[in-house]
Amino acid sequence: AEEVRLAEVFGEPSRWGDTLKPFMLAELSTMLPA
């Protein structure tokens, strides 16, 4: 079921060896105290 829903993101599962690549989620920024 997940493979069907994710076809729009990665294409057909037969191609996932090439298309299943890392991608950006977020950029974070903060200050650490002493």
PDB file of all heavy atoms in Angstrom:
ATOM      1  N   ALA A   1       0.829  -1.204   0.000  1.00  0.00           N
ATOM      2  CA  ALA A   1       0.000   0.000   0.000  1.00  0.00           C
ATOM      3  C   ALA A   1       0.867   1.260   0.000  1.00  0.00           C
ATOM      4  O   ALA A   1       0.554   2.244  -0.684  1.00  0.00           O
ATOM      5  CB  ALA A   1      -0.935   0.002   1.208  1.00  0.00           C
ATOM      6  N   GLU A   2       1.956   1.245   0.742  1.00  0.00           N
ATOM      7  CA  GLU A   2       2.862   2.393   0.775  1.00  0.00           C
ATOM      8  C   GLU A   2       3.541   2.587  -0.580  1.00  0.00           C
ATOM      9  O   GLU A   2       3.735   3.722  -1.031  1.00  0.00           O
ATOM     10  CB  GLU A   2       3.902   2.201   1.877  1.00  0.00           C
ATOM     11  CG  GLU A   2       3.325   2.319   3.286  1.00  0.00           C
ATOM     12  CD  GLU A   2       4.316   1.944   4.362  1.00  0.00           C
ATOM     13  OE1 GLU A   2       5.259   1.161   4.069  1.00  0.00           O
ATOM     14  OE2 GLU A   2       4.169   2.411   5.509  1.00  0.00           O
ATOM     15  N   GLU A   3       3.909   1.490  -1.228  1.00  0.00           N
ATOM     16  CA  GLU A   3       4.528   1.595  -2.553  1.00  0.00           C
ATOM     17  C   GLU A   3       3.595   2.283  -3.552  1.00  0.00           C
ATOM     18  O   GLU A   3       4.039   3.097  -4.365  1.00  0.00           O
ATOM     19  CB  GLU A   3       4.911   0.205  -3.055  1.00  0.00           C
ATOM     20  CG  GLU A   3       6.082  -0.425  -2.308  1.00  0.00           C
ATOM     21  CD  GLU A   3       6.392  -1.811  -2.824  1.00  0.00           C
ATOM     22  OE1 GLU A   3       5.582  -2.351  -3.614  1.00  0.00           O
ATOM     23  OE2 GLU A   3       7.441  -2.371  -2.440  1.00  0.00           O
ATOM     24  N   VAL A   4       2.295   1.962  -3.475  1.00  0.00           N
ATOM     25  CA  VAL A   4       1.322   2.587  -4.375  1.00  0.00           C
ATOM     26  C   VAL A   4       1.230   4.085  -4.110  1.00  0.00           C
ATOM     27  O   VAL A   4       1.255   4.910  -5.039  1.00  0.00           O
ATOM     28  CB  VAL A   4      -0.063   1.918  -4.222  1.00  0.00           C
ATOM     29  CG1 VAL A   4      -1.118   2.693  -5.002  1.00  0.00           C
ATOM     30  CG2 VAL A   4      -0.011   0.470  -4.692  1.00  0.00           C
ATOM     31  N   ARG A   5       1.133   4.466  -2.826  1.00  0.00           N
ATOM     32  CA  ARG A   5       0.977   5.883  -2.488  1.00  0.00           C
ATOM     33  C   ARG A   5       2.239   6.693  -2.773  1.00  0.00           C
ATOM     34  O   ARG A   5       2.167   7.892  -3.036  1.00  0.00           O
ATOM     35  CB  ARG A   5       0.576   6.020  -1.020  1.00  0.00           C
ATOM     36  CG  ARG A   5      -0.860   5.599  -0.730  1.00  0.00           C
ATOM     37  CD  ARG A   5      -1.315   6.092   0.623  1.00  0.00           C
ATOM     38  NE  ARG A   5      -0.609   5.424   1.701  1.00  0.00           N
ATOM     39  CZ  ARG A   5      -1.031   4.316   2.310  1.00  0.00           C
ATOM     40  NH1 ARG A   5      -2.160   3.748   1.924  1.00  0.00           N
ATOM     41  NH2 ARG A   5      -0.342   3.772   3.282  1.00  0.00           N
ATOM     42  N   LEU A   6       3.392   6.043  -2.723  1.00  0.00           N
ATOM     43  CA  LEU A   6       4.649   6.758  -2.914  1.00  0.00           C
ATOM     44  C   LEU A   6       5.123   6.765  -4.363  1.00  0.00           C
ATOM     45  O   LEU A   6       6.199   7.292  -4.664  1.00  0.00           O
ATOM     46  CB  LEU A   6       5.736   6.144  -2.020  1.00  0.00           C
ATOM     47  CG  LEU A   6       5.533   6.339  -0.515  1.00  0.00           C
ATOM     48  CD1 LEU A   6       6.590   5.583   0.266  1.00  0.00           C
ATOM     49  CD2 LEU A   6       5.571   7.825  -0.145  1.00  0.00           C
ATOM     50  N   ALA A   7       4.316   6.198  -5.264  1.00  0.00           N
ATOM     51  CA  ALA A   7       4.707   6.177  -6.682  1.00  0.00           C
ATOM     52  C   ALA A   7       4.873   7.590  -7.227  1.00  0.00           C
ATOM     53  O   ALA A   7       5.715   7.838  -8.093  1.00  0.00           O
ATOM     54  CB  ALA A   7       3.672   5.400  -7.497  1.00  0.00           C
ATOM     55  N   GLU A   8       4.079   8.553  -6.728  1.00  0.00           N
ATOM     56  CA  GLU A   8       4.197   9.930  -7.199  1.00  0.00           C
ATOM     57  C   GLU A   8       5.520  10.559  -6.771  1.00  0.00           C
ATOM     58  O   GLU A   8       6.022  11.469  -7.432  1.00  0.00           O
ATOM     59  CB  GLU A   8       3.029  10.773  -6.667  1.00  0.00           C
ATOM     60  CG  GLU A   8       3.010  12.187  -7.225  1.00  0.00           C
ATOM     61  CD  GLU A   8       1.848  13.010  -6.692  1.00  0.00           C
ATOM     62  OE1 GLU A   8       1.014  12.460  -5.949  1.00  0.00           O
ATOM     63  OE2 GLU A   8       1.785  14.207  -7.020  1.00  0.00           O
ATOM     64  N   VAL A   9       6.082  10.068  -5.666  1.00  0.00           N
ATOM     65  CA  VAL A   9       7.332  10.630  -5.151  1.00  0.00           C
ATOM     66  C   VAL A   9       8.544   9.978  -5.812  1.00  0.00           C
ATOM     67  O   VAL A   9       9.485  10.654  -6.236  1.00  0.00           O
ATOM     68  CB  VAL A   9       7.411  10.463  -3.619  1.00  0.00           C
ATOM     69  CG1 VAL A   9       8.699  11.098  -3.082  1.00  0.00           C
ATOM     70  CG2 VAL A   9       6.199  11.073  -2.944  1.00  0.00           C
ATOM     71  N   PHE A  10       8.523   8.633  -5.902  1.00  0.00           N
ATOM     72  CA  PHE A  10       9.704   7.896  -6.352  1.00  0.00           C
ATOM     73  C   PHE A  10       9.519   7.146  -7.670  1.00  0.00           C
ATOM     74  O   PHE A  10      10.457   6.522  -8.157  1.00  0.00           O
ATOM     75  CB  PHE A  10      10.131   6.888  -5.276  1.00  0.00           C
ATOM     76  CG  PHE A  10      10.415   7.505  -3.935  1.00  0.00           C
ATOM     77  CD1 PHE A  10       9.639   7.185  -2.831  1.00  0.00           C
ATOM     78  CD2 PHE A  10      11.454   8.408  -3.777  1.00  0.00           C
ATOM     79  CE1 PHE A  10       9.899   7.745  -1.588  1.00  0.00           C
ATOM     80  CE2 PHE A  10      11.724   8.973  -2.543  1.00  0.00           C
ATOM     81  CZ  PHE A  10      10.943   8.645  -1.445  1.00  0.00           C
ATOM     82  N   GLY A  11       8.320   7.183  -8.237  1.00  0.00           N
ATOM     83  CA  GLY A  11       8.060   6.407  -9.437  1.00  0.00           C
ATOM     84  C   GLY A  11       7.681   4.970  -9.101  1.00  0.00           C
ATOM     85  O   GLY A  11       7.419   4.628  -7.941  1.00  0.00           O
ATOM     86  N   GLU A  12       7.647   4.122 -10.089  1.00  0.00           N
ATOM     87  CA  GLU A  12       7.287   2.720  -9.884  1.00  0.00           C
ATOM     88  C   GLU A  12       8.346   2.013  -9.031  1.00  0.00           C
ATOM     89  O   GLU A  12       9.545   2.298  -9.162  1.00  0.00           O
ATOM     90  CB  GLU A  12       7.136   2.014 -11.222  1.00  0.00           C
ATOM     91  CG  GLU A  12       5.965   2.511 -12.052  1.00  0.00           C
ATOM     92  CD  GLU A  12       4.645   2.355 -11.307  1.00  0.00           C
ATOM     93  OE1 GLU A  12       4.428   1.280 -10.697  1.00  0.00           O
ATOM     94  OE2 GLU A  12       3.827   3.288 -11.333  1.00  0.00           O
ATOM     95  N   PRO A  13       7.918   1.077  -8.156  1.00  0.00           N
ATOM     96  CA  PRO A  13       8.877   0.383  -7.280  1.00  0.00           C
ATOM     97  C   PRO A  13      10.037  -0.278  -8.024  1.00  0.00           C
ATOM     98  O   PRO A  13      11.129  -0.407  -7.463  1.00  0.00           O
ATOM     99  CB  PRO A  13       8.005  -0.660  -6.572  1.00  0.00           C
ATOM    100  CG  PRO A  13       6.641  -0.049  -6.545  1.00  0.00           C
ATOM    101  CD  PRO A  13       6.521   0.707  -7.836  1.00  0.00           C
ATOM    102  N   SER A  14       9.832  -0.677  -9.274  1.00  0.00           N
ATOM    103  CA  SER A  14      10.911  -1.298 -10.042  1.00  0.00           C
ATOM    104  C   SER A  14      12.082  -0.335 -10.259  1.00  0.00           C
ATOM    105  O   SER A  14      13.199  -0.776 -10.559  1.00  0.00           O
ATOM    106  CB  SER A  14      10.379  -1.783 -11.391  1.00  0.00           C
ATOM    107  OG  SER A  14       9.846  -0.698 -12.149  1.00  0.00           O
ATOM    108  N   ARG A  15      11.820   0.978 -10.114  1.00  0.00           N
ATOM    109  CA  ARG A  15      12.866   1.987 -10.321  1.00  0.00           C
ATOM    110  C   ARG A  15      13.459   2.502  -9.021  1.00  0.00           C
ATOM    111  O   ARG A  15      14.345   3.372  -9.033  1.00  0.00           O
ATOM    112  CB  ARG A  15      12.295   3.171 -11.116  1.00  0.00           C
ATOM    113  CG  ARG A  15      11.748   2.812 -12.499  1.00  0.00           C
ATOM    114  CD  ARG A  15      11.160   4.040 -13.181  1.00  0.00           C
ATOM    115  NE  ARG A  15      12.097   5.150 -13.194  1.00  0.00           N
ATOM    116  CZ  ARG A  15      11.820   6.393 -12.755  1.00  0.00           C
ATOM    117  NH1 ARG A  15      10.611   6.660 -12.276  1.00  0.00           N
ATOM    118  NH2 ARG A  15      12.718   7.346 -12.800  1.00  0.00           N
ATOM    119  N   TRP A  16      12.980   1.988  -7.879  1.00  0.00           N
ATOM    120  CA  TRP A  16      13.377   2.562  -6.604  1.00  0.00           C
ATOM    121  C   TRP A  16      14.864   2.402  -6.304  1.00  0.00           C
ATOM    122  O   TRP A  16      15.418   3.142  -5.482  1.00  0.00           O
ATOM    123  CB  TRP A  16      12.526   1.971  -5.479  1.00  0.00           C
ATOM    124  CG  TRP A  16      11.154   2.595  -5.439  1.00  0.00           C
ATOM    125  CD1 TRP A  16      10.557   3.318  -6.419  1.00  0.00           C
ATOM    126  CD2 TRP A  16      10.213   2.536  -4.368  1.00  0.00           C
ATOM    127  NE1 TRP A  16       9.301   3.715  -6.044  1.00  0.00           N
ATOM    128  CE2 TRP A  16       9.055   3.249  -4.795  1.00  0.00           C
ATOM    129  CE3 TRP A  16      10.207   1.950  -3.121  1.00  0.00           C
ATOM    130  CZ2 TRP A  16       7.941   3.382  -3.981  1.00  0.00           C
ATOM    131  CZ3 TRP A  16       9.091   2.083  -2.313  1.00  0.00           C
ATOM    132  CH2 TRP A  16       7.966   2.807  -2.739  1.00  0.00           C
ATOM    133  N   GLY A  17      15.521   1.448  -6.929  1.00  0.00           N
ATOM    134  CA  GLY A  17      16.961   1.329  -6.744  1.00  0.00           C
ATOM    135  C   GLY A  17      17.703   2.582  -7.183  1.00  0.00           C
ATOM    136  O   GLY A  17      18.778   2.896  -6.662  1.00  0.00           O
ATOM    137  N   ASP A  18      17.121   3.317  -8.131  1.00  0.00           N
ATOM    138  CA  ASP A  18      17.723   4.554  -8.629  1.00  0.00           C
ATOM    139  C   ASP A  18      17.084   5.809  -8.051  1.00  0.00           C
ATOM    140  O   ASP A  18      17.744   6.843  -7.912  1.00  0.00           O
ATOM    141  CB  ASP A  18      17.610   4.615 -10.168  1.00  0.00           C
ATOM    142  CG  ASP A  18      18.385   3.490 -10.843  1.00  0.00           C
ATOM    143  OD1 ASP A  18      19.478   3.154 -10.367  1.00  0.00           O
ATOM    144  OD2 ASP A  18      17.868   2.951 -11.843  1.00  0.00           O
ATOM    145  N   THR A  19      15.790   5.748  -7.723  1.00  0.00           N
ATOM    146  CA  THR A  19      15.064   6.969  -7.341  1.00  0.00           C
ATOM    147  C   THR A  19      14.954   7.175  -5.835  1.00  0.00           C
ATOM    148  O   THR A  19      14.641   8.292  -5.397  1.00  0.00           O
ATOM    149  CB  THR A  19      13.642   6.945  -7.931  1.00  0.00           C
ATOM    150  OG1 THR A  19      12.918   5.822  -7.400  1.00  0.00           O
ATOM    151  CG2 THR A  19      13.693   6.837  -9.452  1.00  0.00           C
ATOM    152  N   LEU A  20      15.177   6.139  -5.043  1.00  0.00           N
ATOM    153  CA  LEU A  20      15.027   6.252  -3.591  1.00  0.00           C
ATOM    154  C   LEU A  20      16.274   6.930  -3.020  1.00  0.00           C
ATOM    155  O   LEU A  20      17.192   6.274  -2.543  1.00  0.00           O
ATOM    156  CB  LEU A  20      14.829   4.866  -2.975  1.00  0.00           C
ATOM    157  CG  LEU A  20      13.823   4.753  -1.817  1.00  0.00           C
ATOM    158  CD1 LEU A  20      12.439   5.178  -2.245  1.00  0.00           C
ATOM    159  CD2 LEU A  20      13.795   3.329  -1.280  1.00  0.00           C
ATOM    160  N   LYS A  21      16.297   8.249  -3.080  1.00  0.00           N
ATOM    161  CA  LYS A  21      17.462   9.030  -2.675  1.00  0.00           C
ATOM    162  C   LYS A  21      17.114   9.960  -1.511  1.00  0.00           C
ATOM    163  O   LYS A  21      15.961  10.364  -1.348  1.00  0.00           O
ATOM    164  CB  LYS A  21      17.977   9.877  -3.842  1.00  0.00           C
ATOM    165  CG  LYS A  21      18.311   9.082  -5.101  1.00  0.00           C
ATOM    166  CD  LYS A  21      19.477   8.141  -4.881  1.00  0.00           C
ATOM    167  CE  LYS A  21      19.863   7.449  -6.197  1.00  0.00           C
ATOM    168  NZ  LYS A  21      20.964   6.481  -6.009  1.00  0.00           N
ATOM    169  N   PRO A  22      18.096  10.339  -0.684  1.00  0.00           N
ATOM    170  CA  PRO A  22      17.845  11.282   0.411  1.00  0.00           C
ATOM    171  C   PRO A  22      17.345  12.625  -0.108  1.00  0.00           C
ATOM    172  O   PRO A  22      17.732  13.070  -1.194  1.00  0.00           O
ATOM    173  CB  PRO A  22      19.226  11.425   1.078  1.00  0.00           C
ATOM    174  CG  PRO A  22      19.968  10.175   0.706  1.00  0.00           C
ATOM    175  CD  PRO A  22      19.482   9.828  -0.673  1.00  0.00           C
ATOM    176  N   PHE A  23      16.489  13.285   0.699  1.00  0.00           N
ATOM    177  CA  PHE A  23      16.027  14.627   0.339  1.00  0.00           C
ATOM    178  C   PHE A  23      15.761  15.429   1.611  1.00  0.00           C
ATOM    179  O   PHE A  23      15.622  14.882   2.707  1.00  0.00           O
ATOM    180  CB  PHE A  23      14.784  14.577  -0.556  1.00  0.00           C
ATOM    181  CG  PHE A  23      13.592  13.872   0.029  1.00  0.00           C
ATOM    182  CD1 PHE A  23      12.590  14.590   0.665  1.00  0.00           C
ATOM    183  CD2 PHE A  23      13.459  12.491  -0.068  1.00  0.00           C
ATOM    184  CE1 PHE A  23      11.483  13.956   1.198  1.00  0.00           C
ATOM    185  CE2 PHE A  23      12.352  11.847   0.457  1.00  0.00           C
ATOM    186  CZ  PHE A  23      11.363  12.581   1.097  1.00  0.00           C
ATOM    187  N   MET A  24      15.711  16.755   1.434  1.00  0.00           N
ATOM    188  CA  MET A  24      15.654  17.669   2.563  1.00  0.00           C
ATOM    189  C   MET A  24      14.287  17.668   3.251  1.00  0.00           C
ATOM    190  O   MET A  24      13.248  17.611   2.599  1.00  0.00           O
ATOM    191  CB  MET A  24      15.975  19.087   2.080  1.00  0.00           C
ATOM    192  CG  MET A  24      16.049  20.130   3.179  1.00  0.00           C
ATOM    193  SD  MET A  24      17.431  19.849   4.301  1.00  0.00           S
ATOM    194  CE  MET A  24      18.816  20.081   3.189  1.00  0.00           C
ATOM    195  N   LEU A  25      14.321  17.733   4.582  1.00  0.00           N
ATOM    196  CA  LEU A  25      13.105  17.871   5.379  1.00  0.00           C
ATOM    197  C   LEU A  25      13.013  19.254   6.008  1.00  0.00           C
ATOM    198  O   LEU A  25      11.977  19.915   5.929  1.00  0.00           O
ATOM    199  CB  LEU A  25      13.057  16.801   6.468  1.00  0.00           C
ATOM    200  CG  LEU A  25      11.931  16.931   7.505  1.00  0.00           C
ATOM    201  CD1 LEU A  25      10.560  16.905   6.833  1.00  0.00           C
ATOM    202  CD2 LEU A  25      12.041  15.840   8.559  1.00  0.00           C
ATOM    203  N   ALA A  26      14.081  19.709   6.672  1.00  0.00           N
ATOM    204  CA  ALA A  26      14.005  20.982   7.404  1.00  0.00           C
ATOM    205  C   ALA A  26      15.401  21.527   7.654  1.00  0.00           C
ATOM    206  O   ALA A  26      16.399  20.802   7.561  1.00  0.00           O
ATOM    207  CB  ALA A  26      13.272  20.788   8.731  1.00  0.00           C
ATOM    208  N   GLU A  27      15.452  22.818   7.988  1.00  0.00           N
ATOM    209  CA  GLU A  27      16.669  23.458   8.455  1.00  0.00           C
ATOM    210  C   GLU A  27      16.408  23.996   9.858  1.00  0.00           C
ATOM    211  O   GLU A  27      15.396  24.665  10.085  1.00  0.00           O
ATOM    212  CB  GLU A  27      17.108  24.582   7.519  1.00  0.00           C
ATOM    213  CG  GLU A  27      17.565  24.089   6.157  1.00  0.00           C
ATOM    214  CD  GLU A  27      18.146  25.205   5.308  1.00  0.00           C
ATOM    215  OE1 GLU A  27      18.221  26.355   5.810  1.00  0.00           O
ATOM    216  OE2 GLU A  27      18.537  24.939   4.157  1.00  0.00           O
ATOM    217  N   LEU A  28      17.299  23.690  10.799  1.00  0.00           N
ATOM    218  CA  LEU A  28      17.131  24.071  12.193  1.00  0.00           C
ATOM    219  C   LEU A  28      18.216  25.058  12.594  1.00  0.00           C
ATOM    220  O   LEU A  28      19.325  25.051  12.049  1.00  0.00           O
ATOM    221  CB  LEU A  28      17.207  22.835  13.101  1.00  0.00           C
ATOM    222  CG  LEU A  28      16.348  21.635  12.712  1.00  0.00           C
ATOM    223  CD1 LEU A  28      16.590  20.487  13.680  1.00  0.00           C
ATOM    224  CD2 LEU A  28      14.878  22.017  12.681  1.00  0.00           C
ATOM    225  N   SER A  29      17.908  25.889  13.588  1.00  0.00           N
ATOM    226  CA  SER A  29      18.869  26.847  14.108  1.00  0.00           C
ATOM    227  C   SER A  29      18.570  27.091  15.579  1.00  0.00           C
ATOM    228  O   SER A  29      17.403  27.308  15.959  1.00  0.00           O
ATOM    229  CB  SER A  29      18.794  28.158  13.323  1.00  0.00           C
ATOM    230  OG  SER A  29      19.684  29.102  13.823  1.00  0.00           O
ATOM    231  N   THR A  30      19.609  27.036  16.426  1.00  0.00           N
ATOM    232  CA  THR A  30      19.406  27.242  17.856  1.00  0.00           C
ATOM    233  C   THR A  30      20.718  27.660  18.508  1.00  0.00           C
ATOM    234  O   THR A  30      21.785  27.570  17.890  1.00  0.00           O
ATOM    235  CB  THR A  30      18.859  25.969  18.526  1.00  0.00           C
ATOM    236  OG1 THR A  30      18.437  26.269  19.862  1.00  0.00           O
ATOM    237  CG2 THR A  30      19.919  24.874  18.578  1.00  0.00           C
ATOM    238  N   MET A  31      20.647  28.116  19.756  1.00  0.00           N
ATOM    239  CA  MET A  31      21.831  28.455  20.549  1.00  0.00           C
ATOM    240  C   MET A  31      21.934  27.507  21.729  1.00  0.00           C
ATOM    241  O   MET A  31      20.943  27.264  22.426  1.00  0.00           O
ATOM    242  CB  MET A  31      21.751  29.892  21.058  1.00  0.00           C
ATOM    243  CG  MET A  31      21.906  30.953  19.990  1.00  0.00           C
ATOM    244  SD  MET A  31      23.567  31.005  19.261  1.00  0.00           S
ATOM    245  CE  MET A  31      24.582  31.409  20.692  1.00  0.00           C
ATOM    246  N   LEU A  32      23.119  26.957  21.958  1.00  0.00           N
ATOM    247  CA  LEU A  32      23.372  26.137  23.126  1.00  0.00           C
ATOM    248  C   LEU A  32      23.985  27.015  24.213  1.00  0.00           C
ATOM    249  O   LEU A  32      24.853  27.847  23.920  1.00  0.00           O
ATOM    250  CB  LEU A  32      24.333  24.989  22.813  1.00  0.00           C
ATOM    251  CG  LEU A  32      23.714  23.706  22.259  1.00  0.00           C
ATOM    252  CD1 LEU A  32      23.117  23.935  20.873  1.00  0.00           C
ATOM    253  CD2 LEU A  32      24.746  22.587  22.216  1.00  0.00           C
ATOM    254  N   PRO A  33      23.588  26.828  25.471  1.00  0.00           N
ATOM    255  CA  PRO A  33      24.151  27.627  26.559  1.00  0.00           C
ATOM    256  C   PRO A  33      25.536  27.104  26.948  1.00  0.00           C
ATOM    257  O   PRO A  33      26.020  26.105  26.406  1.00  0.00           O
ATOM    258  CB  PRO A  33      23.141  27.412  27.692  1.00  0.00           C
ATOM    259  CG  PRO A  33      22.608  26.024  27.434  1.00  0.00           C
ATOM    260  CD  PRO A  33      22.544  25.899  25.927  1.00  0.00           C
ATOM    261  N   ALA A  34      26.152  27.760  27.909  1.00  0.00           N
ATOM    262  CA  ALA A  34      27.456  27.329  28.407  1.00  0.00           C
ATOM    263  C   ALA A  34      27.337  25.951  29.068  1.00  0.00           C
ATOM    264  O   ALA A  34      26.353  25.654  29.753  1.00  0.00           O
ATOM    265  CB  ALA A  34      27.992  28.350  29.409  1.00  0.00           C
TER     266      ALA A  34
END
